[in-house]
Amino acid sequence: MAANPIVKCTVDRCTHWMTGNQCMAGKISVYNDEHAGESNTKSDTQCKSFYAGNGLGDYVGALHNANISGTIKAAFTDGTQITPSVECYVTGCKHWEQGNYCHASSIEVNGDNASKTIDTDCQTFEIK
């Protein structure tokens, strides 16, 4: 298994989003569209680790999947990039690797005004 990809995330309504478009989750999970069961386009993918941050309780509830040490290091050390582990169940993506790993060196997750998982997309998705 390769090193964790660098994750750029613009889903700023997620409890794991951090200034600088970083993801402070310990692990993110990318899945196919729930209804289709497969992905043919970027919009068919979704970040299952998305959790809407609507209040303090949501942020406390998201701590079970937080990369605390990476987040603290990034907050106090210029140039530090948080790199959560990335599991990917989108087997039709050219970056998918046996064992449900993502072998891309970096990924981007988008979701303007996301309020639920289906509103998020893995922009790095490329069909095999």
Protein backbone atom coordinates (compact mmCIF):
# COMPACT_ATOMS: atom_id res chain seq x y z
CA MET A 1 0.00 0.00 0.00
CA ALA A 2 1.27 3.47 -0.91
CA ALA A 3 1.37 6.49 1.38
CA ASN A 4 -1.90 8.24 2.13
CA PRO A 5 -2.90 10.68 -0.61
CA ILE A 6 -2.89 14.40 0.03
CA VAL A 7 -6.54 15.37 0.39
CA LYS A 8 -7.88 18.73 -0.73
CA CYS A 9 -11.44 19.15 0.48
CA THR A 10 -13.68 22.12 -0.26
CA VAL A 11 -16.69 20.71 1.62
CA ASP A 12 -16.60 23.45 4.24
CA ARG A 13 -19.90 22.39 5.85
CA CYS A 14 -18.34 19.08 6.98
CA THR A 15 -17.20 18.60 10.57
CA HIS A 16 -13.82 17.36 9.27
CA TRP A 17 -13.11 20.41 7.07
CA MET A 18 -10.22 22.59 8.16
CA THR A 19 -9.00 25.99 6.98
CA GLY A 20 -6.82 25.63 3.90
CA ASN A 21 -9.23 23.05 2.44
CA GLN A 22 -7.70 20.24 4.45
CA CYS A 23 -9.51 17.21 5.87
CA MET A 24 -8.88 16.47 9.52
CA ALA A 25 -10.57 13.05 9.43
CA GLY A 26 -8.51 10.03 10.36
CA LYS A 27 -10.01 8.13 7.42
CA ILE A 28 -12.25 9.07 4.53
CA SER A 29 -14.31 6.61 2.53
CA VAL A 30 -15.24 7.16 -1.11
CA TYR A 31 -18.19 5.18 -2.41
CA ASN A 32 -20.25 4.78 -5.56
CA ASP A 33 -23.59 6.51 -5.93
CA GLU A 34 -26.00 4.74 -3.56
CA HIS A 35 -28.80 4.36 -6.10
CA ALA A 36 -26.80 3.35 -9.18
CA GLY A 37 -24.32 1.18 -7.29
CA GLU A 38 -21.53 2.25 -9.63
CA SER A 39 -19.77 5.37 -10.81
CA ASN A 40 -19.35 6.56 -14.37
CA THR A 41 -18.74 10.23 -13.62
CA LYS A 42 -17.26 12.28 -10.76
CA SER A 43 -20.75 13.22 -9.61
CA ASP A 44 -21.52 9.49 -9.13
CA THR A 45 -18.97 9.29 -6.30
CA GLN A 46 -19.46 10.45 -2.73
CA CYS A 47 -17.48 10.91 0.47
CA LYS A 48 -19.16 8.70 3.07
CA SER A 49 -17.12 10.37 5.82
CA PHE A 50 -19.06 13.61 5.31
CA TYR A 51 -20.85 14.71 8.45
CA ALA A 52 -22.69 18.02 8.40
CA GLY A 53 -21.48 20.50 10.97
CA ASN A 54 -24.64 22.19 12.19
CA GLY A 55 -23.61 22.78 15.79
CA LEU A 56 -21.18 21.95 18.56
CA GLY A 57 -22.76 18.53 19.11
CA ASP A 58 -21.99 17.53 15.52
CA TYR A 59 -18.32 18.44 15.93
CA VAL A 60 -18.03 16.54 19.20
CA GLY A 61 -19.78 13.56 17.59
CA ALA A 62 -17.24 13.55 14.74
CA LEU A 63 -14.23 13.21 17.07
CA HIS A 64 -14.28 9.41 16.73
CA ASN A 65 -12.87 9.85 13.20
CA ALA A 66 -10.50 12.74 13.83
CA ASN A 67 -6.79 12.84 13.07
CA ILE A 68 -6.02 14.80 16.24
CA SER A 69 -2.21 14.67 16.07
CA GLY A 70 -2.15 15.57 12.36
CA THR A 71 -4.58 18.42 12.93
CA ILE A 72 -2.55 19.90 15.79
CA LYS A 73 0.67 19.59 13.80
CA ALA A 74 -0.91 21.27 10.76
CA ALA A 75 -2.35 24.07 12.88
CA PHE A 76 1.04 25.00 14.33
CA THR A 77 3.52 24.03 11.59
CA ASP A 78 3.46 25.99 8.33
CA GLY A 79 3.33 23.82 5.23
CA THR A 80 2.14 20.69 7.04
CA GLN A 81 -0.50 18.75 5.12
CA ILE A 82 -2.91 16.42 6.92
CA THR A 83 -3.11 13.10 5.07
CA PRO A 84 -6.04 10.95 6.20
CA SER A 85 -6.14 7.37 5.06
CA VAL A 86 -8.43 6.94 2.07
CA GLU A 87 -10.48 3.84 1.45
CA CYS A 88 -12.16 3.67 -1.92
CA TYR A 89 -14.93 1.34 -3.02
CA VAL A 90 -15.18 2.81 -6.53
CA THR A 91 -13.64 -0.14 -8.36
CA GLY A 92 -14.29 1.49 -11.74
CA CYS A 93 -11.78 4.28 -10.97
CA LYS A 94 -8.28 4.03 -12.40
CA HIS A 95 -6.87 5.01 -8.96
CA TRP A 96 -8.62 2.13 -7.18
CA GLU A 97 -6.27 -0.52 -5.82
CA GLN A 98 -6.94 -4.04 -4.52
CA GLY A 99 -8.02 -3.90 -0.89
CA ASN A 100 -10.07 -0.74 -1.55
CA TYR A 101 -7.15 1.65 -1.42
CA CYS A 102 -6.67 4.83 -3.43
CA HIS A 103 -3.25 4.95 -5.08
CA ALA A 104 -3.53 8.54 -6.37
CA SER A 105 -0.90 10.83 -4.87
CA SER A 106 -3.60 13.40 -4.11
CA ILE A 107 -7.37 13.62 -4.29
CA GLU A 108 -9.90 16.42 -4.24
CA VAL A 109 -13.32 16.18 -2.64
CA ASN A 110 -15.90 18.85 -3.51
CA GLY A 111 -19.41 19.60 -2.38
CA ASP A 112 -20.56 23.21 -2.48
CA ASN A 113 -23.24 23.77 0.16
CA ALA A 114 -23.32 20.05 0.97
CA SER A 115 -25.91 19.03 3.52
CA LYS A 116 -25.68 15.26 3.02
CA THR A 117 -23.26 12.67 1.68
CA ILE A 118 -24.78 12.55 -1.80
CA ASP A 119 -23.84 16.24 -2.23
CA THR A 120 -20.12 15.38 -2.20
CA ASP A 121 -17.94 14.16 -5.10
CA CYS A 122 -14.43 12.82 -5.56
CA GLN A 123 -13.07 15.09 -8.27
CA THR A 124 -10.06 12.79 -8.81
CA PHE A 125 -12.28 9.99 -10.16
CA GLU A 126 -11.22 8.80 -13.61
CA ILE A 127 -12.93 5.87 -15.28
CA LYS A 128 -10.68 2.88 -16.00
